[in-house]
Amino acid sequence: MSKIGIMGGTFDPIHNGHLFIGRKAKEEYQLDQIWYMPSGQPPHKKDHRITDKNHRCNMVKLALEGQNGMIFSDFEIQRPGNTYTAKTLSLLKEDYPNDKFYFILGADSLYEIEQWYHPEQIMEYAVILAACREYSHAHLSLKKQIDYLIQKYNGEIYPIHSQEIHVSSEEIRAMISEGKRPERLLPKTVYEYIQEYHLYL
């Protein structure tokens, strides 16, 4: 049995924070691999145009070069229509019945997970690992939110013990559109790719 972490998201673009959290989760919970899985069309991100999937996938592949145990996965991107985490995890359990999946998300998503599509299935099919991330609307501490969800859904949820990440893809897109250079926030190869294809201008 392999222990596989799933890092989902649009990765528009993938940044150093995504890589840092993946490494910390792998190390703290002795995961065998982390699958970075770009999403197709997340139903909660229809308020802005998402960059072409080929560019997003290429950036993830570049970011993961030389990263031991960090794997690009096109499992979600190849599926048509909206991308739902519950459905993805259900299909993964069907395809890999002998493996254990760990779904990695930011603390902000943990506070919003009950608004997701079938949160009970997410917590049935995977262990949840929550990374510290700034979230201004929290009405409970992260520990209390974890305890609440465990009690309600009988799931396994654990925190990733790391420093808080203060970088987001949205912030990076805004910086580039304003003519700023966020190269310190991105793998070098990803920043060069963005420049080559004039993304986010």
N, C-alpha and C. Protein backbone atom coordinates (compact mmCIF):
# COMPACT_ATOMS: atom_id res chain seq x y z
N MET A 1 0.84 -1.20 0.00
CA MET A 1 0.00 0.00 0.00
C MET A 1 0.87 1.24 0.00
N SER A 2 0.59 2.15 -0.91
CA SER A 2 1.29 3.43 -0.95
C SER A 2 0.46 4.51 -0.28
N LYS A 3 1.15 5.45 0.34
CA LYS A 3 0.50 6.63 0.93
C LYS A 3 0.72 7.79 -0.03
N ILE A 4 -0.36 8.26 -0.65
CA ILE A 4 -0.25 9.23 -1.73
C ILE A 4 -0.95 10.53 -1.34
N GLY A 5 -0.22 11.62 -1.37
CA GLY A 5 -0.80 12.93 -1.14
C GLY A 5 -1.31 13.52 -2.43
N ILE A 6 -2.46 14.16 -2.38
CA ILE A 6 -3.05 14.80 -3.55
C ILE A 6 -3.05 16.31 -3.33
N MET A 7 -2.34 17.02 -4.21
CA MET A 7 -2.36 18.49 -4.20
C MET A 7 -3.15 18.93 -5.42
N GLY A 8 -4.35 19.39 -5.21
CA GLY A 8 -5.18 19.84 -6.31
C GLY A 8 -5.18 21.36 -6.41
N GLY A 9 -5.76 21.86 -7.47
CA GLY A 9 -5.86 23.30 -7.66
C GLY A 9 -5.70 23.66 -9.12
N THR A 10 -5.98 24.91 -9.43
CA THR A 10 -5.80 25.33 -10.82
C THR A 10 -4.32 25.51 -11.15
N PHE A 11 -3.48 25.79 -10.13
CA PHE A 11 -2.06 26.04 -10.35
C PHE A 11 -1.88 27.07 -11.46
N ASP A 12 -2.43 28.25 -11.21
CA ASP A 12 -2.49 29.30 -12.23
C ASP A 12 -1.83 30.59 -11.74
N PRO A 13 -0.49 30.58 -11.50
CA PRO A 13 0.46 29.50 -11.74
C PRO A 13 0.81 28.74 -10.46
N ILE A 14 1.47 27.58 -10.62
CA ILE A 14 2.07 26.90 -9.47
C ILE A 14 3.18 27.79 -8.92
N HIS A 15 3.33 27.82 -7.59
CA HIS A 15 4.35 28.69 -6.98
C HIS A 15 5.10 27.94 -5.87
N ASN A 16 6.07 28.62 -5.28
CA ASN A 16 6.93 27.98 -4.27
C ASN A 16 6.14 27.51 -3.05
N GLY A 17 5.05 28.20 -2.73
CA GLY A 17 4.23 27.77 -1.60
C GLY A 17 3.64 26.39 -1.82
N HIS A 18 3.18 26.11 -3.05
CA HIS A 18 2.65 24.79 -3.37
C HIS A 18 3.71 23.71 -3.16
N LEU A 19 4.93 23.98 -3.58
CA LEU A 19 6.01 23.01 -3.44
C LEU A 19 6.40 22.82 -1.98
N PHE A 20 6.44 23.92 -1.24
CA PHE A 20 6.80 23.86 0.18
C PHE A 20 5.81 23.02 0.96
N ILE A 21 4.52 23.24 0.74
CA ILE A 21 3.49 22.49 1.47
C ILE A 21 3.54 21.00 1.10
N GLY A 22 3.75 20.71 -0.17
CA GLY A 22 3.87 19.32 -0.59
C GLY A 22 5.02 18.61 0.11
N ARG A 23 6.17 19.28 0.17
CA ARG A 23 7.34 18.69 0.83
C ARG A 23 7.09 18.49 2.33
N LYS A 24 6.47 19.49 2.97
CA LYS A 24 6.20 19.38 4.41
C LYS A 24 5.22 18.25 4.70
N ALA A 25 4.17 18.11 3.89
CA ALA A 25 3.21 17.03 4.09
C ALA A 25 3.87 15.67 3.89
N LYS A 26 4.69 15.56 2.87
CA LYS A 26 5.38 14.30 2.58
C LYS A 26 6.28 13.90 3.73
N GLU A 27 6.99 14.88 4.26
CA GLU A 27 7.93 14.63 5.35
C GLU A 27 7.21 14.31 6.66
N GLU A 28 6.22 15.13 7.02
CA GLU A 28 5.57 14.97 8.33
C GLU A 28 4.74 13.70 8.42
N TYR A 29 4.11 13.32 7.33
CA TYR A 29 3.21 12.15 7.37
C TYR A 29 3.76 10.97 6.57
N GLN A 30 5.05 10.99 6.29
CA GLN A 30 5.75 9.87 5.63
C GLN A 30 4.99 9.38 4.40
N LEU A 31 4.64 10.31 3.53
CA LEU A 31 3.94 9.94 2.30
C LEU A 31 4.95 9.45 1.26
N ASP A 32 4.52 8.51 0.44
CA ASP A 32 5.41 7.96 -0.58
C ASP A 32 5.53 8.91 -1.78
N GLN A 33 4.42 9.53 -2.13
CA GLN A 33 4.42 10.45 -3.28
C GLN A 33 3.44 11.57 -3.02
N ILE A 34 3.66 12.69 -3.71
CA ILE A 34 2.68 13.77 -3.77
C ILE A 34 2.31 13.94 -5.25
N TRP A 35 1.03 13.78 -5.54
CA TRP A 35 0.56 13.99 -6.91
C TRP A 35 0.02 15.40 -7.04
N TYR A 36 0.64 16.20 -7.90
CA TYR A 36 0.15 17.54 -8.20
C TYR A 36 -0.82 17.42 -9.37
N MET A 37 -2.07 17.75 -9.10
CA MET A 37 -3.17 17.41 -9.99
C MET A 37 -3.92 18.67 -10.42
N PRO A 38 -3.51 19.31 -11.51
CA PRO A 38 -4.24 20.51 -11.96
C PRO A 38 -5.70 20.18 -12.27
N SER A 39 -6.58 21.09 -11.90
CA SER A 39 -8.01 20.88 -12.15
C SER A 39 -8.40 21.46 -13.51
N GLY A 40 -9.50 20.96 -14.03
CA GLY A 40 -10.03 21.47 -15.29
C GLY A 40 -10.76 22.77 -15.06
N GLN A 41 -12.07 22.68 -14.77
CA GLN A 41 -12.89 23.87 -14.50
C GLN A 41 -13.51 23.73 -13.12
N PRO A 42 -12.85 24.28 -12.08
CA PRO A 42 -13.44 24.21 -10.74
C PRO A 42 -14.73 25.04 -10.70
N PRO A 43 -15.83 24.50 -10.17
CA PRO A 43 -17.10 25.23 -10.18
C PRO A 43 -17.07 26.51 -9.35
N HIS A 44 -16.13 26.62 -8.38
CA HIS A 44 -16.09 27.81 -7.51
C HIS A 44 -15.17 28.89 -8.07
N LYS A 45 -14.61 28.70 -9.27
CA LYS A 45 -13.68 29.70 -9.82
C LYS A 45 -14.15 30.19 -11.18
N LYS A 46 -15.45 30.39 -11.31
CA LYS A 46 -15.98 30.88 -12.57
C LYS A 46 -15.97 32.40 -12.66
N ASP A 47 -15.44 33.05 -11.60
CA ASP A 47 -15.45 34.51 -11.59
C ASP A 47 -14.25 35.10 -12.33
N HIS A 48 -13.30 34.26 -12.73
CA HIS A 48 -12.20 34.78 -13.53
C HIS A 48 -11.77 33.73 -14.56
N ARG A 49 -11.18 34.21 -15.63
CA ARG A 49 -10.76 33.31 -16.70
C ARG A 49 -9.53 32.52 -16.25
N ILE A 50 -9.60 31.22 -16.43
CA ILE A 50 -8.48 30.36 -16.04
C ILE A 50 -7.59 30.14 -17.25
N THR A 51 -6.29 30.20 -17.03
CA THR A 51 -5.33 30.03 -18.11
C THR A 51 -5.48 28.65 -18.75
N ASP A 52 -5.21 28.58 -20.05
CA ASP A 52 -5.31 27.34 -20.80
C ASP A 52 -4.64 26.18 -20.05
N LYS A 53 -5.30 25.03 -20.07
CA LYS A 53 -4.83 23.88 -19.28
C LYS A 53 -3.44 23.42 -19.71
N ASN A 54 -3.10 23.57 -20.98
CA ASN A 54 -1.78 23.13 -21.43
C ASN A 54 -0.67 23.96 -20.80
N HIS A 55 -0.88 25.26 -20.70
CA HIS A 55 0.10 26.11 -20.03
C HIS A 55 0.21 25.74 -18.54
N ARG A 56 -0.92 25.55 -17.89
CA ARG A 56 -0.88 25.22 -16.46
C ARG A 56 -0.19 23.89 -16.21
N CYS A 57 -0.48 22.90 -17.06
CA CYS A 57 0.17 21.60 -16.92
C CYS A 57 1.67 21.70 -17.18
N ASN A 58 2.05 22.45 -18.19
CA ASN A 58 3.48 22.61 -18.49
C ASN A 58 4.22 23.25 -17.34
N MET A 59 3.60 24.25 -16.69
CA MET A 59 4.24 24.90 -15.55
C MET A 59 4.41 23.95 -14.38
N VAL A 60 3.40 23.11 -14.12
CA VAL A 60 3.52 22.12 -13.04
C VAL A 60 4.65 21.14 -13.34
N LYS A 61 4.71 20.65 -14.56
CA LYS A 61 5.78 19.71 -14.94
C LYS A 61 7.16 20.33 -14.75
N LEU A 62 7.30 21.59 -15.15
CA LEU A 62 8.58 22.28 -14.97
C LEU A 62 8.93 22.42 -13.49
N ALA A 63 7.94 22.78 -12.68
CA ALA A 63 8.17 23.00 -11.25
C ALA A 63 8.60 21.72 -10.53
N LEU A 64 8.14 20.57 -11.03
CA LEU A 64 8.40 19.30 -10.34
C LEU A 64 9.67 18.60 -10.81
N GLU A 65 10.33 19.15 -11.82
CA GLU A 65 11.57 18.53 -12.30
C GLU A 65 12.61 18.47 -11.17
N GLY A 66 13.12 17.28 -10.93
CA GLY A 66 14.13 17.10 -9.90
C GLY A 66 13.60 17.04 -8.49
N GLN A 67 12.27 17.08 -8.32
CA GLN A 67 11.66 17.03 -6.99
C GLN A 67 11.31 15.58 -6.67
N ASN A 68 12.04 14.97 -5.79
CA ASN A 68 11.89 13.56 -5.48
C ASN A 68 10.50 13.25 -4.90
N GLY A 69 9.80 12.32 -5.53
CA GLY A 69 8.49 11.91 -5.02
C GLY A 69 7.36 12.86 -5.35
N MET A 70 7.63 13.91 -6.12
CA MET A 70 6.60 14.87 -6.52
C MET A 70 6.23 14.58 -7.96
N ILE A 71 4.98 14.20 -8.20
CA ILE A 71 4.56 13.66 -9.48
C ILE A 71 3.46 14.53 -10.10
N PHE A 72 3.58 14.82 -11.39
CA PHE A 72 2.49 15.47 -12.12
C PHE A 72 1.43 14.43 -12.45
N SER A 73 0.16 14.80 -12.27
CA SER A 73 -0.95 13.92 -12.61
C SER A 73 -1.98 14.67 -13.44
N ASP A 74 -2.38 14.06 -14.57
CA ASP A 74 -3.43 14.67 -15.40
C ASP A 74 -4.80 14.03 -15.14
N PHE A 75 -4.94 13.40 -13.98
CA PHE A 75 -6.16 12.66 -13.66
C PHE A 75 -7.41 13.54 -13.73
N GLU A 76 -7.31 14.77 -13.25
CA GLU A 76 -8.47 15.67 -13.28
C GLU A 76 -8.59 16.43 -14.59
N ILE A 77 -7.47 16.86 -15.11
CA ILE A 77 -7.50 17.75 -16.27
C ILE A 77 -8.11 17.07 -17.50
N GLN A 78 -8.05 15.73 -17.54
CA GLN A 78 -8.57 15.01 -18.70
C GLN A 78 -10.08 14.78 -18.64
N ARG A 79 -10.67 15.08 -17.49
CA ARG A 79 -12.11 14.87 -17.36
C ARG A 79 -12.87 16.11 -17.82
N PRO A 80 -13.92 15.95 -18.61
CA PRO A 80 -14.70 17.11 -19.08
C PRO A 80 -15.60 17.66 -17.98
N GLY A 81 -16.01 18.91 -18.16
CA GLY A 81 -16.97 19.52 -17.24
C GLY A 81 -16.33 19.99 -15.95
N ASN A 82 -17.18 20.30 -14.96
CA ASN A 82 -16.71 20.78 -13.67
C ASN A 82 -15.90 19.72 -12.94
N THR A 83 -14.91 20.17 -12.21
CA THR A 83 -14.05 19.28 -11.43
C THR A 83 -14.49 19.31 -9.97
N TYR A 84 -14.94 18.17 -9.46
CA TYR A 84 -15.35 18.07 -8.06
C TYR A 84 -14.41 17.14 -7.31
N THR A 85 -13.90 17.61 -6.18
CA THR A 85 -12.95 16.82 -5.40
C THR A 85 -13.54 15.49 -4.98
N ALA A 86 -14.80 15.48 -4.56
CA ALA A 86 -15.43 14.23 -4.11
C ALA A 86 -15.42 13.19 -5.22
N LYS A 87 -15.72 13.62 -6.44
CA LYS A 87 -15.74 12.69 -7.57
C LYS A 87 -14.35 12.20 -7.89
N THR A 88 -13.37 13.10 -7.86
CA THR A 88 -11.99 12.71 -8.13
C THR A 88 -11.52 11.65 -7.15
N LEU A 89 -11.77 11.88 -5.86
CA LEU A 89 -11.32 10.93 -4.83
C LEU A 89 -12.05 9.60 -4.97
N SER A 90 -13.32 9.64 -5.33
CA SER A 90 -14.08 8.39 -5.56
C SER A 90 -13.46 7.58 -6.70
N LEU A 91 -13.12 8.26 -7.79
CA LEU A 91 -12.52 7.56 -8.93
C LEU A 91 -11.12 7.05 -8.60
N LEU A 92 -10.37 7.80 -7.83
CA LEU A 92 -9.04 7.35 -7.41
C LEU A 92 -9.13 6.08 -6.57
N LYS A 93 -10.10 6.02 -5.67
CA LYS A 93 -10.27 4.82 -4.84
C LYS A 93 -10.64 3.61 -5.68
N GLU A 94 -11.41 3.84 -6.75
CA GLU A 94 -11.74 2.75 -7.66
C GLU A 94 -10.51 2.26 -8.41
N ASP A 95 -9.71 3.20 -8.89
CA ASP A 95 -8.55 2.85 -9.71
C ASP A 95 -7.36 2.34 -8.88
N TYR A 96 -7.26 2.80 -7.64
CA TYR A 96 -6.12 2.43 -6.78
C TYR A 96 -6.65 1.95 -5.42
N PRO A 97 -7.35 0.80 -5.40
CA PRO A 97 -8.03 0.38 -4.17
C PRO A 97 -7.08 0.03 -3.02
N ASN A 98 -5.83 -0.24 -3.32
CA ASN A 98 -4.90 -0.67 -2.27
C ASN A 98 -4.07 0.47 -1.70
N ASP A 99 -4.27 1.68 -2.23
CA ASP A 99 -3.50 2.84 -1.76
C ASP A 99 -4.34 3.71 -0.82
N LYS A 100 -3.64 4.47 0.00
CA LYS A 100 -4.31 5.40 0.93
C LYS A 100 -4.03 6.82 0.47
N PHE A 101 -5.09 7.61 0.34
CA PHE A 101 -4.96 8.97 -0.19
C PHE A 101 -5.08 10.02 0.91
N TYR A 102 -4.26 11.04 0.77
CA TYR A 102 -4.23 12.17 1.69
C TYR A 102 -4.48 13.42 0.87
N PHE A 103 -5.57 14.09 1.14
CA PHE A 103 -5.92 15.28 0.37
C PHE A 103 -5.40 16.51 1.10
N ILE A 104 -4.52 17.27 0.43
CA ILE A 104 -3.85 18.41 1.04
C ILE A 104 -4.55 19.69 0.62
N LEU A 105 -4.92 20.50 1.61
CA LEU A 105 -5.59 21.77 1.31
C LEU A 105 -5.14 22.84 2.28
N GLY A 106 -5.44 24.08 1.95
CA GLY A 106 -5.13 25.18 2.84
C GLY A 106 -6.19 25.30 3.93
N ALA A 107 -5.80 25.91 5.04
CA ALA A 107 -6.75 26.07 6.14
C ALA A 107 -8.00 26.82 5.69
N ASP A 108 -7.83 27.77 4.74
CA ASP A 108 -8.99 28.51 4.26
C ASP A 108 -10.02 27.56 3.65
N SER A 109 -9.55 26.56 2.91
CA SER A 109 -10.46 25.59 2.31
C SER A 109 -11.11 24.70 3.36
N LEU A 110 -10.39 24.44 4.46
CA LEU A 110 -10.97 23.60 5.51
C LEU A 110 -12.17 24.30 6.15
N TYR A 111 -12.12 25.63 6.24
CA TYR A 111 -13.26 26.36 6.79
C TYR A 111 -14.44 26.39 5.82
N GLU A 112 -14.17 26.22 4.54
CA GLU A 112 -15.22 26.32 3.52
C GLU A 112 -15.68 24.96 2.99
N ILE A 113 -15.10 23.88 3.49
CA ILE A 113 -15.30 22.57 2.88
C ILE A 113 -16.76 22.09 2.94
N GLU A 114 -17.51 22.59 3.90
CA GLU A 114 -18.92 22.17 3.97
C GLU A 114 -19.76 22.78 2.85
N GLN A 115 -19.23 23.77 2.15
CA GLN A 115 -19.91 24.32 0.99
C GLN A 115 -19.50 23.60 -0.31
N TRP A 116 -18.55 22.68 -0.19
CA TRP A 116 -18.11 21.92 -1.36
C TRP A 116 -19.12 20.83 -1.72
N TYR A 117 -18.95 20.25 -2.88
CA TYR A 117 -19.80 19.16 -3.35
C TYR A 117 -19.51 17.90 -2.54
N HIS A 118 -20.50 17.42 -1.80
CA HIS A 118 -20.43 16.20 -0.99
C HIS A 118 -19.18 16.15 -0.10
N PRO A 119 -19.09 17.04 0.89
CA PRO A 119 -17.91 17.01 1.78
C PRO A 119 -17.78 15.70 2.55
N GLU A 120 -18.91 15.05 2.81
CA GLU A 120 -18.84 13.77 3.54
C GLU A 120 -18.09 12.71 2.74
N GLN A 121 -18.20 12.78 1.42
CA GLN A 121 -17.46 11.82 0.59
C GLN A 121 -15.98 12.13 0.56
N ILE A 122 -15.63 13.40 0.56
CA ILE A 122 -14.22 13.79 0.60
C ILE A 122 -13.56 13.20 1.84
N MET A 123 -14.25 13.32 2.98
CA MET A 123 -13.67 12.84 4.24
C MET A 123 -13.80 11.33 4.40
N GLU A 124 -14.62 10.71 3.58
CA GLU A 124 -14.69 9.25 3.57
C GLU A 124 -13.56 8.63 2.77
N TYR A 125 -13.21 9.27 1.64
CA TYR A 125 -12.27 8.67 0.70
C TYR A 125 -10.82 9.06 0.96
N ALA A 126 -10.56 10.08 1.78
CA ALA A 126 -9.18 10.53 1.98
C ALA A 126 -8.99 11.09 3.38
N VAL A 127 -7.76 10.97 3.86
CA VAL A 127 -7.33 11.70 5.05
C VAL A 127 -7.10 13.15 4.61
N ILE A 128 -7.54 14.11 5.42
CA ILE A 128 -7.36 15.52 5.09
C ILE A 128 -6.14 16.06 5.84
N LEU A 129 -5.25 16.71 5.11
CA LEU A 129 -4.11 17.40 5.71
C LEU A 129 -4.26 18.89 5.43
N ALA A 130 -4.33 19.68 6.48
CA ALA A 130 -4.60 21.12 6.34
C ALA A 130 -3.35 21.94 6.63
N ALA A 131 -2.98 22.76 5.67
CA ALA A 131 -1.82 23.64 5.82
C ALA A 131 -2.26 24.99 6.36
N CYS A 132 -1.45 25.56 7.22
CA CYS A 132 -1.76 26.88 7.76
C CYS A 132 -1.73 27.91 6.64
N ARG A 133 -2.78 28.69 6.57
CA ARG A 133 -2.85 29.75 5.59
C ARG A 133 -3.78 30.82 6.13
N GLU A 134 -3.43 32.06 5.89
CA GLU A 134 -4.20 33.18 6.42
C GLU A 134 -5.65 33.11 5.93
N TYR A 135 -6.59 33.26 6.87
CA TYR A 135 -8.02 33.22 6.52
C TYR A 135 -8.76 34.17 7.45
N SER A 136 -9.22 35.27 6.90
CA SER A 136 -9.75 36.36 7.73
C SER A 136 -11.16 36.11 8.24
N HIS A 137 -11.88 35.12 7.65
CA HIS A 137 -13.27 34.91 8.02
C HIS A 137 -13.47 33.79 9.05
N ALA A 138 -12.37 33.30 9.61
CA ALA A 138 -12.47 32.16 10.53
C ALA A 138 -13.21 32.56 11.81
N HIS A 139 -14.19 31.74 12.20
CA HIS A 139 -14.89 31.97 13.46
C HIS A 139 -14.45 30.96 14.52
N LEU A 140 -13.65 29.97 14.11
CA LEU A 140 -13.08 28.99 15.03
C LEU A 140 -11.58 28.91 14.79
N SER A 141 -10.82 28.52 15.80
CA SER A 141 -9.41 28.23 15.58
C SER A 141 -9.30 27.02 14.66
N LEU A 142 -8.13 26.84 14.04
CA LEU A 142 -7.95 25.69 13.15
C LEU A 142 -8.18 24.38 13.90
N LYS A 143 -7.68 24.29 15.12
CA LYS A 143 -7.87 23.06 15.91
C LYS A 143 -9.35 22.80 16.16
N LYS A 144 -10.09 23.84 16.50
CA LYS A 144 -11.52 23.66 16.77
C LYS A 144 -12.28 23.30 15.49
N GLN A 145 -11.88 23.87 14.36
CA GLN A 145 -12.51 23.53 13.10
C GLN A 145 -12.24 22.06 12.75
N ILE A 146 -11.02 21.61 12.97
CA ILE A 146 -10.68 20.20 12.74
C ILE A 146 -11.51 19.30 13.65
N ASP A 147 -11.58 19.64 14.92
CA ASP A 147 -12.36 18.84 15.88
C ASP A 147 -13.83 18.79 15.49
N TYR A 148 -14.37 19.92 15.06
CA TYR A 148 -15.78 19.99 14.64
C TYR A 148 -16.05 19.07 13.45
N LEU A 149 -15.17 19.12 12.44
CA LEU A 149 -15.37 18.30 11.24
C LEU A 149 -15.20 16.82 11.54
N ILE A 150 -14.23 16.48 12.39
CA ILE A 150 -14.03 15.08 12.76
C ILE A 150 -15.27 14.53 13.45
N GLN A 151 -15.83 15.33 14.38
CA GLN A 151 -17.01 14.89 15.11
C GLN A 151 -18.21 14.75 14.19
N LYS A 152 -18.37 15.68 13.25
CA LYS A 152 -19.55 15.66 12.38
C LYS A 152 -19.46 14.60 11.29
N TYR A 153 -18.26 14.44 10.71
CA TYR A 153 -18.12 13.57 9.53
C TYR A 153 -17.34 12.29 9.81
N ASN A 154 -16.82 12.15 11.03
CA ASN A 154 -16.06 10.95 11.39
C ASN A 154 -14.87 10.73 10.46
N GLY A 155 -14.22 11.84 10.07
CA GLY A 155 -13.09 11.74 9.16
C GLY A 155 -11.77 11.82 9.90
N GLU A 156 -10.69 11.63 9.15
CA GLU A 156 -9.34 11.83 9.67
C GLU A 156 -8.82 13.15 9.12
N ILE A 157 -8.51 14.08 10.02
CA ILE A 157 -8.03 15.40 9.61
C ILE A 157 -6.86 15.79 10.51
N TYR A 158 -5.76 16.19 9.89
CA TYR A 158 -4.57 16.55 10.65
C TYR A 158 -3.98 17.85 10.10
N PRO A 159 -3.35 18.63 10.96
CA PRO A 159 -2.69 19.85 10.48
C PRO A 159 -1.30 19.54 9.94
N ILE A 160 -0.86 20.32 8.97
CA ILE A 160 0.53 20.29 8.53
C ILE A 160 1.25 21.37 9.33
N HIS A 161 2.22 20.97 10.13
CA HIS A 161 2.90 21.91 11.00
C HIS A 161 4.01 22.62 10.23
N SER A 162 3.72 23.83 9.83
CA SER A 162 4.70 24.62 9.08
C SER A 162 4.37 26.09 9.27
N GLN A 163 5.28 26.92 8.83
CA GLN A 163 5.00 28.35 8.88
C GLN A 163 3.87 28.69 7.92
N GLU A 164 3.19 29.77 8.22
CA GLU A 164 2.08 30.20 7.38
C GLU A 164 2.60 30.69 6.02
N ILE A 165 1.88 30.31 4.97
CA ILE A 165 2.28 30.69 3.61
C ILE A 165 1.57 31.98 3.22
N HIS A 166 2.34 32.97 2.81
CA HIS A 166 1.77 34.27 2.45
C HIS A 166 1.92 34.55 0.95
N VAL A 167 1.63 33.57 0.16
CA VAL A 167 1.71 33.76 -1.29
C VAL A 167 0.53 33.05 -1.93
N SER A 168 -0.02 33.65 -2.96
CA SER A 168 -1.13 33.03 -3.68
C SER A 168 -0.95 33.25 -5.17
N SER A 169 -1.55 32.37 -5.96
CA SER A 169 -1.50 32.51 -7.41
C SER A 169 -2.15 33.82 -7.85
N GLU A 170 -3.23 34.19 -7.17
CA GLU A 170 -3.93 35.44 -7.50
C GLU A 170 -3.00 36.64 -7.33
N GLU A 171 -2.25 36.64 -6.25
CA GLU A 171 -1.30 37.73 -5.99
C GLU A 171 -0.22 37.78 -7.08
N ILE A 172 0.26 36.62 -7.49
CA ILE A 172 1.29 36.56 -8.52
C ILE A 172 0.76 37.07 -9.85
N ARG A 173 -0.45 36.66 -10.22
CA ARG A 173 -1.06 37.15 -11.47
C ARG A 173 -1.19 38.67 -11.46
N ALA A 174 -1.60 39.21 -10.31
CA ALA A 174 -1.78 40.66 -10.19
C ALA A 174 -0.44 41.39 -10.32
N MET A 175 0.59 40.83 -9.69
CA MET A 175 1.91 41.45 -9.76
C MET A 175 2.40 41.51 -11.21
N ILE A 176 2.24 40.42 -11.94
CA ILE A 176 2.72 40.39 -13.33
C ILE A 176 1.93 41.37 -14.19
N SER A 177 0.63 41.42 -13.98
CA SER A 177 -0.20 42.33 -14.78
C SER A 177 0.15 43.79 -14.51
N GLU A 178 0.73 44.06 -13.32
CA GLU A 178 1.14 45.42 -12.96
C GLU A 178 2.58 45.72 -13.34
N GLY A 179 3.22 44.76 -14.03
CA GLY A 179 4.59 44.97 -14.47
C GLY A 179 5.65 44.65 -13.42
N LYS A 180 5.25 44.01 -12.32
CA LYS A 180 6.21 43.64 -11.28
C LYS A 180 6.81 42.27 -11.59
N ARG A 181 7.89 41.93 -10.87
CA ARG A 181 8.62 40.70 -11.15
C ARG A 181 8.60 39.80 -9.90
N PRO A 182 7.69 38.81 -9.86
CA PRO A 182 7.58 37.96 -8.67
C PRO A 182 8.45 36.70 -8.74
N GLU A 183 9.66 36.81 -9.32
CA GLU A 183 10.44 35.59 -9.53
C GLU A 183 10.81 34.88 -8.24
N ARG A 184 10.92 35.61 -7.13
CA ARG A 184 11.27 34.95 -5.86
C ARG A 184 10.15 34.06 -5.35
N LEU A 185 8.95 34.23 -5.87
CA LEU A 185 7.79 33.45 -5.43
C LEU A 185 7.57 32.20 -6.27
N LEU A 186 8.36 32.05 -7.34
CA LEU A 186 8.13 30.99 -8.32
C LEU A 186 9.41 30.21 -8.58
N PRO A 187 9.28 28.91 -8.94
CA PRO A 187 10.47 28.21 -9.45
C PRO A 187 11.00 28.95 -10.67
N LYS A 188 12.31 28.97 -10.83
CA LYS A 188 12.94 29.72 -11.92
C LYS A 188 12.38 29.31 -13.28
N THR A 189 12.21 28.00 -13.48
CA THR A 189 11.72 27.52 -14.78
C THR A 189 10.29 27.98 -15.06
N VAL A 190 9.50 28.09 -14.01
CA VAL A 190 8.11 28.55 -14.18
C VAL A 190 8.09 30.02 -14.52
N TYR A 191 8.91 30.81 -13.83
CA TYR A 191 8.96 32.24 -14.13
C TYR A 191 9.41 32.47 -15.57
N GLU A 192 10.39 31.71 -16.02
CA GLU A 192 10.87 31.85 -17.40
C GLU A 192 9.79 31.46 -18.40
N TYR A 193 9.01 30.44 -18.07
CA TYR A 193 7.91 30.01 -18.94
C TYR A 193 6.85 31.11 -19.07
N ILE A 194 6.52 31.71 -17.94
CA ILE A 194 5.54 32.80 -17.94
C ILE A 194 6.01 33.95 -18.82
N GLN A 195 7.29 34.27 -18.71
CA GLN A 195 7.83 35.34 -19.54
C GLN A 195 7.82 34.96 -21.02
N GLU A 196 8.21 33.73 -21.31
CA GLU A 196 8.29 33.29 -22.71
C GLU A 196 6.93 33.36 -23.41
N TYR A 197 5.87 32.98 -22.68
CA TYR A 197 4.55 32.94 -23.30
C TYR A 197 3.67 34.15 -22.94
N HIS A 198 4.26 35.13 -22.26
CA HIS A 198 3.58 36.39 -21.95
C HIS A 198 2.25 36.14 -21.20
N LEU A 199 2.31 35.27 -20.21
CA LEU A 199 1.11 34.95 -19.44
C LEU A 199 0.83 36.05 -18.42
N TYR A 200 -0.44 36.24 -18.12
CA TYR A 200 -0.94 37.13 -17.06
C TYR A 200 -0.72 38.62 -17.34
N LEU A 201 -0.44 38.98 -18.56
CA LEU A 201 -0.27 40.39 -18.90
C LEU A 201 -1.61 41.02 -19.27
